[in-house]
Amino acid sequence: MDKKPEKLIFVYNADSSVLSKVSDAIKKITTPDKYQCNLCMVTYGAISMKDEWKKFLSTLLFEKEFLHRDEFHEKFPEWKEEKLPAIFISENNILNLLVSSEEINRQKNITDLKNIISAKLKIAL
């Protein structure tokens, strides 16, 4: 059976609680250099997803799932030791790391992040 990419899973290095979301929004504004999730920092403003990122995501021909750290660990406990943020690809219901935390954390803006995701997808496919 051929590999069939089914889904991209974007995992934020932040928890899903309301308190965590409010705290993260404040940290992004007040101390951006100390914020723990570069995937959030690059793709979101203080409250919502940036338009440029939304447009890029719409060009990717995969289902997309966005999970916070706690949701990801609950759904995929076998990946609990993986550093986050990270982007995974699901192929035939098997999860594989597409873009590591180290790679995401080196990206300075949406263009850089789009470029690394596009390059990684070309290799994976």
C-alpha atoms as a PDB file:
ATOM      1  CA  MET A   1       0.000   0.000   0.000  1.00  0.00           C
ATOM      2  CA  ASP A   2       1.358   3.426  -0.943  1.00  0.00           C
ATOM      3  CA  LYS A   3       1.957   6.089   1.637  1.00  0.00           C
ATOM      4  CA  LYS A   4      -1.009   8.407   1.644  1.00  0.00           C
ATOM      5  CA  PRO A   5      -0.554  11.648   3.583  1.00  0.00           C
ATOM      6  CA  GLU A   6      -3.834  12.280   5.319  1.00  0.00           C
ATOM      7  CA  LYS A   7      -3.298  15.121   7.692  1.00  0.00           C
ATOM      8  CA  LEU A   8      -0.878  17.734   8.966  1.00  0.00           C
ATOM      9  CA  ILE A   9      -0.918  18.143  12.729  1.00  0.00           C
ATOM     10  CA  PHE A  10       0.377  21.425  14.129  1.00  0.00           C
ATOM     11  CA  VAL A  11       1.221  21.197  17.826  1.00  0.00           C
ATOM     12  CA  TYR A  12       1.667  24.312  19.916  1.00  0.00           C
ATOM     13  CA  ASN A  13       3.939  24.446  22.951  1.00  0.00           C
ATOM     14  CA  ALA A  14       1.094  25.833  25.044  1.00  0.00           C
ATOM     15  CA  ASP A  15      -1.843  24.335  26.907  1.00  0.00           C
ATOM     16  CA  SER A  16      -5.489  24.643  25.946  1.00  0.00           C
ATOM     17  CA  SER A  17      -6.994  26.057  29.146  1.00  0.00           C
ATOM     18  CA  VAL A  18      -8.528  29.527  29.074  1.00  0.00           C
ATOM     19  CA  LEU A  19      -6.070  30.710  31.721  1.00  0.00           C
ATOM     20  CA  SER A  20      -3.152  29.436  29.652  1.00  0.00           C
ATOM     21  CA  LYS A  21      -4.474  31.187  26.515  1.00  0.00           C
ATOM     22  CA  VAL A  22      -4.866  34.512  28.329  1.00  0.00           C
ATOM     23  CA  SER A  23      -1.440  34.177  29.937  1.00  0.00           C
ATOM     24  CA  ASP A  24       0.130  33.323  26.565  1.00  0.00           C
ATOM     25  CA  ALA A  25      -1.464  36.346  24.877  1.00  0.00           C
ATOM     26  CA  ILE A  26      -0.040  38.625  27.568  1.00  0.00           C
ATOM     27  CA  LYS A  27       3.423  37.028  27.332  1.00  0.00           C
ATOM     28  CA  LYS A  28       3.492  37.424  23.543  1.00  0.00           C
ATOM     29  CA  ILE A  29       2.937  41.148  23.945  1.00  0.00           C
ATOM     30  CA  THR A  30       4.999  41.903  27.043  1.00  0.00           C
ATOM     31  CA  THR A  31       7.960  39.492  26.738  1.00  0.00           C
ATOM     32  CA  PRO A  32       7.977  38.064  23.210  1.00  0.00           C
ATOM     33  CA  ASP A  33      11.632  36.984  23.438  1.00  0.00           C
ATOM     34  CA  LYS A  34      10.759  34.659  26.343  1.00  0.00           C
ATOM     35  CA  TYR A  35       7.606  33.187  24.801  1.00  0.00           C
ATOM     36  CA  GLN A  36       7.838  29.369  24.583  1.00  0.00           C
ATOM     37  CA  CYS A  37       5.943  28.700  21.341  1.00  0.00           C
ATOM     38  CA  ASN A  38       7.485  30.088  18.189  1.00  0.00           C
ATOM     39  CA  LEU A  39       4.755  28.432  16.105  1.00  0.00           C
ATOM     40  CA  CYS A  40       2.207  30.577  17.990  1.00  0.00           C
ATOM     41  CA  MET A  41       4.437  33.645  17.914  1.00  0.00           C
ATOM     42  CA  VAL A  42       4.972  33.564  14.153  1.00  0.00           C
ATOM     43  CA  THR A  43       1.453  32.560  13.053  1.00  0.00           C
ATOM     44  CA  TYR A  44      -0.796  34.393  15.527  1.00  0.00           C
ATOM     45  CA  GLY A  45      -1.290  37.949  16.598  1.00  0.00           C
ATOM     46  CA  ALA A  46      -2.315  38.603  20.196  1.00  0.00           C
ATOM     47  CA  ILE A  47      -5.680  36.935  19.653  1.00  0.00           C
ATOM     48  CA  SER A  48      -6.184  35.435  16.196  1.00  0.00           C
ATOM     49  CA  MET A  49      -4.403  33.650  13.361  1.00  0.00           C
ATOM     50  CA  LYS A  50      -2.629  35.963  10.910  1.00  0.00           C
ATOM     51  CA  ASP A  51      -4.211  36.269   7.443  1.00  0.00           C
ATOM     52  CA  GLU A  52      -1.007  35.374   5.610  1.00  0.00           C
ATOM     53  CA  TRP A  53      -0.812  32.101   7.572  1.00  0.00           C
ATOM     54  CA  LYS A  54      -4.500  31.319   6.897  1.00  0.00           C
ATOM     55  CA  LYS A  55      -3.926  31.816   3.171  1.00  0.00           C
ATOM     56  CA  PHE A  56      -0.886  29.539   3.196  1.00  0.00           C
ATOM     57  CA  LEU A  57      -2.756  26.816   5.094  1.00  0.00           C
ATOM     58  CA  SER A  58      -5.568  26.958   2.551  1.00  0.00           C
ATOM     59  CA  THR A  59      -3.061  26.061  -0.192  1.00  0.00           C
ATOM     60  CA  LEU A  60      -1.994  22.848   1.551  1.00  0.00           C
ATOM     61  CA  LEU A  61      -3.963  19.925   0.185  1.00  0.00           C
ATOM     62  CA  PHE A  62      -4.228  18.090   3.476  1.00  0.00           C
ATOM     63  CA  GLU A  63      -6.612  18.006   6.348  1.00  0.00           C
ATOM     64  CA  LYS A  64      -5.153  20.124   9.143  1.00  0.00           C
ATOM     65  CA  GLU A  65      -5.422  19.627  12.875  1.00  0.00           C
ATOM     66  CA  PHE A  66      -4.214  22.102  15.497  1.00  0.00           C
ATOM     67  CA  LEU A  67      -3.481  20.792  18.971  1.00  0.00           C
ATOM     68  CA  HIS A  68      -2.187  22.325  22.147  1.00  0.00           C
ATOM     69  CA  ARG A  69       0.475  20.478  24.135  1.00  0.00           C
ATOM     70  CA  ASP A  70      -1.977  18.910  26.609  1.00  0.00           C
ATOM     71  CA  GLU A  71      -4.351  17.796  23.847  1.00  0.00           C
ATOM     72  CA  PHE A  72      -1.498  16.295  21.819  1.00  0.00           C
ATOM     73  CA  HIS A  73      -0.090  14.373  24.793  1.00  0.00           C
ATOM     74  CA  GLU A  74      -3.525  12.985  25.560  1.00  0.00           C
ATOM     75  CA  LYS A  75      -4.141  11.916  21.961  1.00  0.00           C
ATOM     76  CA  PHE A  76      -0.597  10.707  21.211  1.00  0.00           C
ATOM     77  CA  PRO A  77       1.053   9.689  24.510  1.00  0.00           C
ATOM     78  CA  GLU A  78       3.828   7.877  22.648  1.00  0.00           C
ATOM     79  CA  TRP A  79       5.123  11.300  21.490  1.00  0.00           C
ATOM     80  CA  LYS A  80       5.202  12.817  24.990  1.00  0.00           C
ATOM     81  CA  GLU A  81       8.995  13.213  24.928  1.00  0.00           C
ATOM     82  CA  GLU A  82       9.060  15.132  21.619  1.00  0.00           C
ATOM     83  CA  LYS A  83       9.995  18.790  22.020  1.00  0.00           C
ATOM     84  CA  LEU A  84       7.279  21.214  20.991  1.00  0.00           C
ATOM     85  CA  PRO A  85       6.173  23.104  18.999  1.00  0.00           C
ATOM     86  CA  ALA A  86       6.274  20.619  16.143  1.00  0.00           C
ATOM     87  CA  ILE A  87       4.470  19.722  12.944  1.00  0.00           C
ATOM     88  CA  PHE A  88       3.587  16.125  12.167  1.00  0.00           C
ATOM     89  CA  ILE A  89       2.261  14.350   9.117  1.00  0.00           C
ATOM     90  CA  SER A  90      -0.139  11.461   9.418  1.00  0.00           C
ATOM     91  CA  GLU A  91       0.316   8.795   6.745  1.00  0.00           C
ATOM     92  CA  ASN A  92      -1.856   5.681   6.832  1.00  0.00           C
ATOM     93  CA  ASN A  93      -2.706   6.594  10.429  1.00  0.00           C
ATOM     94  CA  ILE A  94       0.984   6.648  11.408  1.00  0.00           C
ATOM     95  CA  LEU A  95       2.367   9.885  12.824  1.00  0.00           C
ATOM     96  CA  ASN A  96       5.758  11.124  11.600  1.00  0.00           C
ATOM     97  CA  LEU A  97       7.627  14.268  12.560  1.00  0.00           C
ATOM     98  CA  LEU A  98       7.675  16.711   9.649  1.00  0.00           C
ATOM     99  CA  VAL A  99       9.160  19.874  11.201  1.00  0.00           C
ATOM    100  CA  SER A 100      10.953  19.683  14.537  1.00  0.00           C
ATOM    101  CA  SER A 101      10.855  22.133  17.400  1.00  0.00           C
ATOM    102  CA  GLU A 102      14.420  23.227  16.662  1.00  0.00           C
ATOM    103  CA  GLU A 103      13.517  23.959  13.040  1.00  0.00           C
ATOM    104  CA  ILE A 104      10.359  25.872  13.972  1.00  0.00           C
ATOM    105  CA  ASN A 105      12.210  27.877  16.610  1.00  0.00           C
ATOM    106  CA  ARG A 106      14.764  29.073  14.024  1.00  0.00           C
ATOM    107  CA  GLN A 107      12.059  30.644  11.851  1.00  0.00           C
ATOM    108  CA  LYS A 108      11.712  34.390  12.271  1.00  0.00           C
ATOM    109  CA  ASN A 109       8.530  35.031  10.302  1.00  0.00           C
ATOM    110  CA  ILE A 110       5.685  33.425   8.356  1.00  0.00           C
ATOM    111  CA  THR A 111       7.647  33.413   5.093  1.00  0.00           C
ATOM    112  CA  ASP A 112      10.475  31.435   6.685  1.00  0.00           C
ATOM    113  CA  LEU A 113       8.015  29.003   8.257  1.00  0.00           C
ATOM    114  CA  LYS A 114       6.114  28.544   4.983  1.00  0.00           C
ATOM    115  CA  ASN A 115       9.394  27.849   3.176  1.00  0.00           C
ATOM    116  CA  ILE A 116      10.522  25.145   5.588  1.00  0.00           C
ATOM    117  CA  ILE A 117       7.119  23.450   5.583  1.00  0.00           C
ATOM    118  CA  SER A 118       6.991  23.500   1.781  1.00  0.00           C
ATOM    119  CA  ALA A 119      10.516  22.101   1.513  1.00  0.00           C
ATOM    120  CA  LYS A 120       9.785  19.348   4.062  1.00  0.00           C
ATOM    121  CA  LEU A 121       6.567  18.389   2.255  1.00  0.00           C
ATOM    122  CA  LYS A 122       8.439  18.054  -1.054  1.00  0.00           C
ATOM    123  CA  ILE A 123      10.881  15.635   0.615  1.00  0.00           C
ATOM    124  CA  ALA A 124       8.127  13.704   2.425  1.00  0.00           C
ATOM    125  CA  LEU A 125       6.028  13.270  -0.684  1.00  0.00           C
END
